[in-house]
Protein backbone atom coordinates (compact mmCIF):
# COMPACT_ATOMS: atom_id res chain seq x y z
CA MET A 1 -5.65 103.18 183.09
CA ASN A 2 -3.72 106.25 184.24
CA LYS A 3 -1.52 104.16 186.52
CA LEU A 4 -0.83 101.69 183.71
CA LYS A 5 0.09 104.56 181.38
CA LEU A 6 2.35 106.07 184.05
CA TRP A 7 3.99 102.69 184.67
CA LEU A 8 4.66 102.12 180.96
CA GLU A 9 5.98 105.66 180.44
CA GLN A 10 8.26 105.38 183.44
CA THR A 11 9.50 101.93 182.39
CA MET A 12 10.42 103.18 178.92
CA MET A 13 12.04 106.39 180.17
CA ILE A 14 14.04 104.67 182.90
CA SER A 15 15.26 101.87 180.63
CA PHE A 16 16.14 104.32 177.83
CA ALA A 17 17.99 106.61 180.24
CA ILE A 18 19.95 103.69 181.70
CA TYR A 19 20.99 102.63 178.20
CA VAL A 20 22.11 106.21 177.46
CA GLY A 21 24.04 106.16 180.74
CA ILE A 22 25.74 102.92 179.71
CA ILE A 23 26.72 104.49 176.39
CA ILE A 24 28.14 107.52 178.21
CA GLU A 25 30.02 105.20 180.54
CA GLY A 26 31.55 103.37 177.58
CA VAL A 27 32.63 106.64 175.98
CA VAL A 28 34.10 107.91 179.26
CA TYR A 29 36.08 104.70 179.77
CA SER A 30 37.37 104.91 176.21
CA LEU A 31 38.74 108.40 176.86
CA PHE A 32 41.04 107.17 179.63
CA PRO A 33 44.52 106.05 178.63
CA GLY A 34 44.39 102.40 177.67
CA GLY A 35 40.62 102.52 177.26
CA ASP A 36 39.20 100.66 174.32
CA LEU A 37 35.61 101.37 173.31
CA ALA A 38 35.61 98.42 170.90
CA SER A 39 36.11 96.00 173.79
CA PHE A 40 33.19 97.49 175.77
CA SER A 41 30.34 94.98 175.58
CA LEU A 42 27.21 93.89 177.39
CA SER A 43 25.78 90.41 177.72
CA TRP A 44 22.14 89.67 176.95
CA LEU A 45 21.56 89.20 180.69
CA GLN A 46 22.81 92.71 181.41
CA LEU A 47 20.59 94.15 178.68
CA LEU A 48 17.60 92.27 180.08
CA SER A 49 18.49 93.39 183.61
CA VAL A 50 18.22 97.04 182.52
CA ILE A 51 14.65 96.47 181.34
CA LEU A 52 13.83 94.57 184.54
CA THR A 53 15.27 97.46 186.56
CA GLY A 54 13.10 99.88 184.60
CA VAL A 55 10.01 97.77 185.29
CA VAL A 56 10.65 97.49 189.04
CA CYS A 57 11.65 101.15 189.45
CA ALA A 58 8.57 102.28 187.52
CA LEU A 59 6.38 100.12 189.76
CA LEU A 60 7.87 101.80 192.82
CA THR A 61 7.24 105.18 191.18
CA VAL A 62 3.57 104.37 190.61
CA LEU A 63 3.19 103.19 194.21
CA PHE A 64 4.95 106.21 195.77
CA LEU A 65 4.02 109.12 193.56
CA SER A 66 0.59 108.51 192.06
CA TYR A 67 -1.43 110.28 194.75
CA ASN A 68 -2.70 113.77 193.96
CA ASP A 69 -4.22 115.04 197.18
CA ILE A 70 -1.26 115.06 199.58
CA SER A 71 0.42 117.95 201.35
CA LYS A 72 3.69 119.44 200.18
CA LYS A 73 5.49 118.02 203.22
CA ASP A 74 4.16 114.51 202.53
CA PHE A 75 5.14 114.84 198.87
CA ILE A 76 8.72 115.78 199.82
CA VAL A 77 8.90 112.84 202.23
CA ARG A 78 7.63 110.54 199.47
CA ILE A 79 10.28 111.91 197.07
CA VAL A 80 13.03 111.22 199.60
CA PHE A 81 11.81 107.66 200.21
CA HIS A 82 11.31 107.21 196.46
CA THR A 83 14.90 108.25 195.75
CA ILE A 84 16.29 106.00 198.48
CA GLY A 85 14.13 103.08 197.32
CA LEU A 86 15.17 103.46 193.69
CA TYR A 87 18.83 103.78 194.64
CA ALA A 88 18.54 100.60 196.72
CA ILE A 89 16.88 98.73 193.84
CA VAL A 90 19.49 99.88 191.33
CA SER A 91 22.36 99.07 193.72
CA ILE A 92 21.01 95.60 194.47
CA PHE A 93 20.32 94.85 190.80
CA GLY A 94 23.79 96.19 189.94
CA TRP A 95 25.33 93.79 192.43
CA ILE A 96 23.20 90.83 191.34
CA PHE A 97 23.72 91.37 187.61
CA LYS A 98 27.39 92.37 187.97
CA TRP A 99 27.05 95.90 186.61
CA TYR A 100 30.01 96.76 188.78
CA THR A 101 32.71 94.70 190.44
CA GLN A 102 34.88 97.41 191.98
CA LEU A 103 34.37 100.64 193.87
CA ALA A 104 35.04 102.71 190.73
CA GLY A 105 32.23 100.88 188.94
CA PHE A 106 29.88 101.46 191.88
CA ILE A 107 30.72 105.16 191.86
CA MET A 108 30.08 105.34 188.10
CA MET A 109 26.77 103.51 188.59
CA THR A 110 25.84 106.03 191.30
CA VAL A 111 26.60 108.95 188.99
CA ILE A 112 24.56 107.33 186.21
CA PHE A 113 21.70 106.72 188.68
CA PHE A 114 21.44 110.41 189.55
CA MET A 115 21.71 111.42 185.88
CA VAL A 116 18.91 108.98 185.01
CA TYR A 117 16.83 110.19 187.96
CA ALA A 118 17.16 113.83 186.86
CA PHE A 119 16.44 112.92 183.22
CA VAL A 120 13.29 110.97 184.08
CA TRP A 121 11.98 113.76 186.33
CA GLY A 122 12.66 116.35 183.63
CA VAL A 123 10.96 114.36 180.87
CA SER A 124 8.03 113.46 183.15
CA LEU A 125 7.46 117.12 184.01
CA TRP A 126 7.69 118.03 180.33
CA PHE A 127 5.14 115.32 179.41
CA HIS A 128 2.72 116.47 182.11
CA LYS A 129 3.15 120.13 181.12
CA ARG A 130 2.45 119.22 177.49
CA ASP A 131 -0.69 117.27 178.50
CA ASP A 132 -1.85 120.21 180.64
CA ASN A 133 -1.42 122.58 177.70
CA LYS A 134 -3.47 120.27 175.43
CA ILE A 135 -6.25 120.11 178.03
CA ASN A 136 -6.23 123.89 178.47
CA LYS A 137 -6.43 124.46 174.70
CA ALA A 138 -9.33 122.01 174.44
CA LEU A 139 -11.14 123.78 177.26
CA GLU A 140 -10.55 127.17 175.61
CA SER A 141 -11.97 125.90 172.33
CA ILE A 142 -15.06 124.62 174.14
CA ARG A 143 -15.50 128.00 175.87
CA ASP A 144 -15.09 129.82 172.56
CA GLU A 145 -17.84 127.72 170.99
CA GLU A 146 -20.27 128.64 173.78
């Protein structure tokens, strides 16, 4: 159940962060001379591809990072491979679903990828810290009762 919960949390966070990245991209493009935010649109296939990307990236996250009893060195190696794997998935999906057609679009997608990656790590750490605090408070209340 924990892995399913992790997968669902990661899927939602990744998809949400990608959508926020797309919104930021639209705003940035509208700030350039000749940019028109009103003409910025997404097809239903692109919207669906974001959710599919979230699902696949979350699955990779569960496979790579769901082990608790590993050394710090192994954890760092897993993070590096995790980052490379996610970047490869996002790049391939971006190419397949035409998220970018030029080098400038690929660069913008790369920037958004690292923003999303940082956001998801930050929110995940916050969620886990919050859960740890709830567990600690529950344990303290049990100790106080004894």
